[in-house]
Every structure is written in structure tokens, then in C-alpha cells.
Amino acid sequence: MIDSSVGRWVVRNAGAARPCLRLFCVPWAGVGASVYRLWCAALPAGTEVCSIQLPGRESRLREKPFDRIDDIVAALRDELTPLLDVPFAFFGHSMGAVVASELCGALAREGGPQPLHLFVSGRRAPHVVDPDPPLSGLSDDDFAHEINKRFGGIPAEIMADREILALLLPCLRADIAALESYRPAMGRIACPLTVYGGTLDSRAPRIHLEAWQEMAGSDFRLRLFEGTHFYITPRRAELLADIVATLAPLMRSLEETRPVTQVVE
């Protein structure tokens, strides 16, 4: 069951009134919170999936999308504060990995609570330079074709439907512009860090994923799944199993230390 009444920025799965742990999931460029709609069923009881809904997509289609990572992070930092009252973890794929890791940095700089774990997926380490030229300023046709050439993320039926493509492109173009203007602001990542990627992902090859270790201030782990940049969809079950296994010791510890509510008759 999904509860989106808590605000425009976060779509939550309706579970326990006070979960043991919240997993905040940040989507990749051009898509919305619904890409994580199946995740809650695969995670253990007591875990609340909170999917981030950025402006310009799905329920916020009429809003102007942000075109700078620091603006996204600043807005999310304020919006998420009321939900950081229980232990939490971050997951982000591609652009979502940038936002999630910068959120960790923003919270650390302000002395705020830190996630128990950070999961980043399908994104080179922030200090690794993009070898390809910018594309956010291209014409619509050239932009769409170049996106598909680099990432393969736009289905053929959408590429063939100019009306639907016209709805998608403003958000996607803003997201790409945000990534192209991005300058890392975080320092070392204090919490344990897991990095995921696809074995055939030319946008985030193993060497670029391994570079995250230079920013890890605590435990670091890298795991690759068979597939391309969007391995995250066909390998969802394997990915979620790994996330569950990683969070399991934390969940057990949280359950053991959780106060027992007594019922007085």
C-alpha cells in the first residue's frame, strides 16, 4: 500500500506507524518515484521505503524541474528532516547516486543524523571526470538520440511518439544539465558504502566504480550484476536480496534495542 499524503517530495509505503528503518530511494534522470514501487514487498517488515519524487515528473509533472544538483539537495535536506527521526539508509541509481551521496555530505556538514548505510548504483565516483561532451544543449531530436546512444534508457515506443517524448524531454534535459554542472561538495563518506553496477555498463565501468573507495571513510564494498546501465530492472530481485542481506544485521540490532510497548489493562 502506498501513502503519498505526506508531501510532494516523498512517496512512502504505508507500513508500521513507526518503522525500524527508512530506506530513501532516489531515482535516475527523467523518471519519478514509481520506479521503486515494487521494492517495499521485497524488504523485511519494519523497513519503510521512501521514494523521492522530484519536480517535473509523474504527480509533479506541471512543476518546473530543477537543473542543479545543489538545489535538489538543499530542497530534499529540508523536506526529509521530519523523516529522519528513525534510523535510515540511502539508495540512488545513476543521477540518484549523486543526489544520495551529496545528501550524506550535506547532513554531515550540518551535524545532522547520518545514514546507517549508503548504496550507490550505476554512477562513477564524483571525482572521475566525464569523458563525453555535454549534451543538454542539443536539439530535441539530437538530445533524445544521444541519450539513447549513451544510456539506452528511452523505450522505442516513446522515441516513436513525439507527443509523449515532448512531455519527457524537459525533465530529462534539466536532469542532464544538473549532472553536467555538478561539482562535488561532499567530503569523505562517514557511513558504510556499497557500490553497485552492471558488468556491461560503459557509462560506469568497474574502474570508475572502484574509485568510490577513495571517498569511503568506513566500510566499502563493490558488487557487479550482469547487465548494462539499467541492470537495476532485470536484476531487481538479486539487487534487493543483496540490500536486504546488507541491512539485516542493522535491522536485528535495531529490533533488539527497540523499546517494548506495554499494554496496561
Protein backbone atom coordinates (compact mmCIF):
# COMPACT_ATOMS: atom_id res chain seq x y z
CA MET A 1 0.00 0.00 0.00
CA ILE A 2 1.32 3.41 -0.96
CA ASP A 3 0.84 6.59 1.03
CA SER A 4 1.71 9.78 -0.85
CA SER A 5 -0.13 12.13 1.50
CA VAL A 6 3.00 13.07 3.43
CA GLY A 7 4.11 15.64 0.87
CA ARG A 8 5.10 16.16 -2.73
CA TRP A 9 8.71 15.06 -2.30
CA VAL A 10 8.35 11.62 -0.73
CA VAL A 11 6.15 8.65 -1.62
CA ARG A 12 6.07 6.19 1.28
CA ASN A 13 4.85 2.62 1.54
CA ALA A 14 2.26 2.54 4.31
CA GLY A 15 3.57 0.17 6.95
CA ALA A 16 4.16 0.37 10.68
CA ALA A 17 3.31 3.66 12.36
CA ARG A 18 6.95 3.94 13.39
CA PRO A 19 9.27 1.77 11.28
CA CYS A 20 12.62 0.46 12.47
CA LEU A 21 14.37 1.82 9.39
CA ARG A 22 13.57 4.05 6.41
CA LEU A 23 15.20 3.41 3.03
CA PHE A 24 15.18 6.59 0.93
CA CYS A 25 15.40 5.76 -2.79
CA VAL A 26 16.40 8.44 -5.30
CA PRO A 27 15.51 7.76 -8.96
CA TRP A 28 17.66 8.22 -12.02
CA ALA A 29 17.38 11.02 -14.58
CA GLY A 30 14.00 11.61 -16.21
CA VAL A 31 11.93 9.26 -14.03
CA GLY A 32 9.89 9.50 -10.84
CA ALA A 33 9.21 7.70 -7.60
CA SER A 34 7.19 4.91 -9.24
CA VAL A 35 10.37 3.14 -10.41
CA TYR A 36 10.69 1.89 -6.81
CA ARG A 37 7.04 0.90 -6.35
CA LEU A 38 7.82 -2.84 -6.19
CA TRP A 39 10.63 -2.56 -3.67
CA CYS A 40 8.60 -2.47 -0.47
CA ALA A 41 7.29 -6.02 -0.99
CA ALA A 42 10.83 -7.42 -1.10
CA LEU A 43 12.15 -5.70 2.02
CA PRO A 44 11.67 -7.02 5.56
CA ALA A 45 8.90 -5.89 7.88
CA GLY A 46 9.87 -2.78 9.74
CA THR A 47 11.56 -1.22 6.70
CA GLU A 48 9.73 1.71 5.13
CA VAL A 49 10.58 2.53 1.50
CA CYS A 50 10.51 6.28 0.87
CA SER A 51 10.77 7.04 -2.84
CA ILE A 52 11.83 10.55 -3.81
CA GLN A 53 9.54 12.43 -6.19
CA LEU A 54 11.41 15.31 -7.82
CA PRO A 55 9.60 18.18 -9.62
CA GLY A 56 8.71 17.78 -13.29
CA ARG A 57 7.61 14.13 -13.35
CA GLU A 58 4.59 11.95 -12.56
CA SER A 59 2.46 13.62 -9.85
CA ARG A 60 4.61 16.77 -10.17
CA LEU A 61 4.63 16.91 -13.97
CA ARG A 62 3.44 20.52 -14.10
CA GLU A 63 6.22 21.77 -11.82
CA LYS A 64 9.46 23.14 -13.22
CA PRO A 65 12.29 20.63 -12.77
CA PHE A 66 15.48 21.69 -11.03
CA ASP A 67 18.59 21.89 -13.20
CA ARG A 68 21.23 21.98 -10.45
CA ILE A 69 22.20 19.19 -8.07
CA ASP A 70 22.83 21.57 -5.18
CA ASP A 71 19.27 22.94 -5.46
CA ILE A 72 17.85 19.42 -5.39
CA VAL A 73 19.95 18.51 -2.35
CA ALA A 74 19.04 21.70 -0.46
CA ALA A 75 15.32 21.13 -1.04
CA LEU A 76 15.49 17.46 -0.09
CA ARG A 77 17.50 18.16 3.04
CA ASP A 78 14.67 20.35 4.34
CA GLU A 79 11.88 18.02 3.19
CA LEU A 80 13.44 14.88 4.66
CA THR A 81 14.30 16.32 8.08
CA PRO A 82 10.98 15.28 9.72
CA LEU A 83 11.50 11.70 8.45
CA LEU A 84 14.99 11.32 9.92
CA ASP A 85 13.55 10.59 13.36
CA VAL A 86 14.30 6.87 12.92
CA PRO A 87 17.42 5.14 11.55
CA PHE A 88 17.67 5.42 7.77
CA ALA A 89 19.67 4.46 4.69
CA PHE A 90 20.01 5.99 1.20
CA PHE A 91 19.89 4.30 -2.22
CA GLY A 92 20.40 6.08 -5.53
CA HIS A 93 20.91 4.90 -9.09
CA SER A 94 22.81 6.98 -11.68
CA MET A 95 21.77 10.61 -11.03
CA GLY A 96 20.14 9.33 -7.86
CA ALA A 97 23.55 8.17 -6.65
CA VAL A 98 24.85 11.74 -6.97
CA VAL A 99 21.90 13.17 -5.04
CA ALA A 100 22.04 10.49 -2.32
CA SER A 101 25.78 10.89 -1.73
CA GLU A 102 25.55 14.68 -1.67
CA LEU A 103 22.70 14.41 0.85
CA CYS A 104 25.07 12.45 3.10
CA GLY A 105 27.60 15.25 2.73
CA ALA A 106 25.07 17.99 3.46
CA LEU A 107 23.86 16.24 6.61
CA ALA A 108 27.45 15.72 7.79
CA ARG A 109 28.40 19.36 7.27
CA GLU A 110 25.41 20.49 9.33
CA GLY A 111 25.96 17.97 12.11
CA GLY A 112 22.73 16.18 11.21
CA PRO A 113 21.95 12.47 11.53
CA GLN A 114 23.89 10.15 9.23
CA PRO A 115 22.51 7.18 7.30
CA LEU A 116 23.34 3.72 8.57
CA HIS A 117 24.32 2.80 5.01
CA LEU A 118 24.71 4.45 1.61
CA PHE A 119 24.01 2.42 -1.55
CA VAL A 120 25.08 3.99 -4.85
CA SER A 121 24.48 2.36 -8.21
CA GLY A 122 25.43 2.88 -11.84
CA ARG A 123 27.45 6.07 -11.34
CA ARG A 124 31.16 6.83 -11.50
CA ALA A 125 32.77 8.31 -8.38
CA PRO A 126 32.27 12.10 -8.15
CA HIS A 127 35.93 12.94 -8.77
CA VAL A 128 36.08 10.89 -12.01
CA VAL A 129 35.68 13.25 -14.98
CA ASP A 130 33.04 12.52 -17.63
CA PRO A 131 34.93 11.79 -20.86
CA ASP A 132 31.99 12.72 -23.12
CA PRO A 133 30.95 16.22 -24.27
CA PRO A 134 27.85 17.92 -22.80
CA LEU A 135 24.52 17.14 -24.43
CA SER A 136 21.91 19.20 -22.54
CA GLY A 137 22.09 21.98 -25.16
CA LEU A 138 21.38 19.75 -28.17
CA SER A 139 18.16 19.95 -30.21
CA ASP A 140 15.34 17.68 -29.03
CA ASP A 141 15.99 15.04 -31.70
CA ASP A 142 19.76 15.03 -31.22
CA PHE A 143 19.38 15.05 -27.44
CA ALA A 144 17.00 12.07 -27.40
CA HIS A 145 19.16 10.04 -29.77
CA GLU A 146 22.35 10.82 -27.84
CA ILE A 147 20.69 9.85 -24.54
CA ASN A 148 19.72 6.51 -26.05
CA LYS A 149 23.19 6.04 -27.52
CA ARG A 150 24.88 6.63 -24.15
CA PHE A 151 22.38 5.11 -21.75
CA GLY A 152 19.73 3.24 -23.74
CA GLY A 153 17.04 4.49 -21.37
CA ILE A 154 14.23 5.64 -23.69
CA PRO A 155 11.97 2.80 -24.97
CA ALA A 156 11.50 2.60 -28.74
CA GLU A 157 7.74 3.23 -28.47
CA ILE A 158 8.39 6.54 -26.69
CA MET A 159 11.08 7.54 -29.20
CA ALA A 160 8.48 6.98 -31.93
CA ASP A 161 5.76 9.04 -30.20
CA ARG A 162 6.69 12.71 -30.45
CA GLU A 163 3.91 13.88 -28.11
CA ILE A 164 5.00 11.60 -25.26
CA LEU A 165 8.64 12.38 -25.97
CA ALA A 166 7.87 16.10 -25.71
CA LEU A 167 6.48 15.51 -22.18
CA LEU A 168 9.55 13.56 -21.12
CA LEU A 169 12.34 15.73 -22.53
CA PRO A 170 12.09 18.89 -20.35
CA CYS A 171 12.59 16.89 -17.16
CA LEU A 172 15.30 14.71 -18.67
CA ARG A 173 17.12 17.70 -20.14
CA ALA A 174 17.04 19.50 -16.76
CA ASP A 175 18.42 16.40 -15.03
CA ILE A 176 21.24 16.07 -17.55
CA ALA A 177 22.02 19.79 -17.19
CA ALA A 178 22.17 19.28 -13.42
CA LEU A 179 24.69 16.48 -13.83
CA GLU A 180 26.78 18.43 -16.34
CA SER A 181 27.06 21.44 -13.99
CA TYR A 182 27.63 19.28 -10.90
CA ARG A 183 30.68 19.99 -8.78
CA PRO A 184 31.18 17.62 -5.81
CA ALA A 185 30.74 19.26 -2.41
CA MET A 186 30.95 16.22 -0.13
CA GLY A 187 33.97 15.08 1.80
CA ARG A 188 34.59 11.53 2.88
CA ILE A 189 31.52 9.36 3.33
CA ALA A 190 31.33 8.51 7.01
CA CYS A 191 28.82 5.66 6.84
CA PRO A 192 29.38 2.22 5.28
CA LEU A 193 29.23 2.40 1.48
CA THR A 194 28.08 -0.22 -1.03
CA VAL A 195 28.57 0.45 -4.75
CA TYR A 196 26.61 -1.47 -7.39
CA GLY A 197 26.99 -1.60 -11.16
CA GLY A 198 26.31 -3.54 -14.32
CA THR A 199 29.04 -5.70 -15.88
CA LEU A 200 28.30 -4.21 -19.33
CA ASP A 201 27.74 -0.60 -18.26
CA SER A 202 30.05 1.56 -20.41
CA ARG A 203 28.90 4.67 -18.51
CA ALA A 204 30.09 3.32 -15.17
CA PRO A 205 32.78 0.69 -15.76
CA ARG A 206 34.33 -1.18 -12.86
CA ILE A 207 37.35 1.12 -12.60
CA HIS A 208 35.07 4.14 -12.17
CA LEU A 209 33.00 2.33 -9.54
CA GLU A 210 36.11 1.24 -7.64
CA ALA A 211 37.10 4.92 -7.41
CA TRP A 212 34.33 5.40 -4.82
CA GLN A 213 36.64 3.66 -2.34
CA GLU A 214 38.80 6.79 -2.26
CA MET A 215 35.84 8.62 -0.70
CA ALA A 216 34.83 5.88 1.73
CA GLY A 217 35.61 6.74 5.33
CA SER A 218 34.28 3.44 6.65
CA ASP A 219 33.37 0.05 5.18
CA PHE A 220 33.41 -0.19 1.39
CA ARG A 221 32.00 -2.93 -0.82
CA LEU A 222 31.55 -3.26 -4.59
CA ARG A 223 29.25 -5.71 -6.33
CA LEU A 224 28.50 -6.05 -10.04
CA PHE A 225 25.39 -7.58 -11.58
CA GLU A 226 25.14 -8.92 -15.10
CA GLY A 227 23.73 -6.23 -17.39
CA THR A 228 24.06 -2.73 -18.78
CA HIS A 229 23.45 0.68 -17.17
CA PHE A 230 19.87 -0.29 -16.40
CA TYR A 231 20.68 -3.69 -14.93
CA ILE A 232 18.59 -2.46 -11.99
CA THR A 233 15.34 -3.58 -13.65
CA PRO A 234 16.08 -7.13 -14.88
CA ARG A 235 18.28 -7.85 -11.85
CA ARG A 236 15.95 -6.26 -9.30
CA ALA A 237 15.45 -9.44 -7.27
CA GLU A 238 19.21 -10.03 -6.93
CA LEU A 239 19.85 -6.39 -6.09
CA LEU A 240 17.16 -6.32 -3.42
CA ALA A 241 18.40 -9.57 -1.93
CA ASP A 242 21.83 -8.00 -1.53
CA ILE A 243 20.37 -4.85 0.04
CA VAL A 244 18.32 -6.97 2.47
CA ALA A 245 21.39 -9.04 3.40
CA THR A 246 23.39 -5.85 3.97
CA LEU A 247 20.70 -4.27 6.14
CA ALA A 248 19.79 -7.48 8.05
CA PRO A 249 22.39 -7.09 10.84
CA LEU A 250 21.35 -3.47 11.29
CA MET A 251 17.68 -4.44 11.44
CA ARG A 252 18.37 -7.13 14.06
CA SER A 253 20.30 -4.66 16.16
CA LEU A 254 17.52 -2.07 15.87
CA GLU A 255 14.85 -4.60 16.82
CA GLU A 256 16.84 -5.70 19.87
CA THR A 257 17.25 -2.15 21.14
CA ARG A 258 13.71 -1.02 20.31
CA PRO A 259 11.69 -0.29 23.47
CA VAL A 260 8.79 -2.68 24.16
CA THR A 261 5.40 -1.02 24.43
CA GLN A 262 3.46 -2.37 27.40
CA VAL A 263 -0.28 -2.60 27.37
CA VAL A 264 -1.92 -1.66 30.68
CA GLU A 265 -5.28 -3.34 31.28
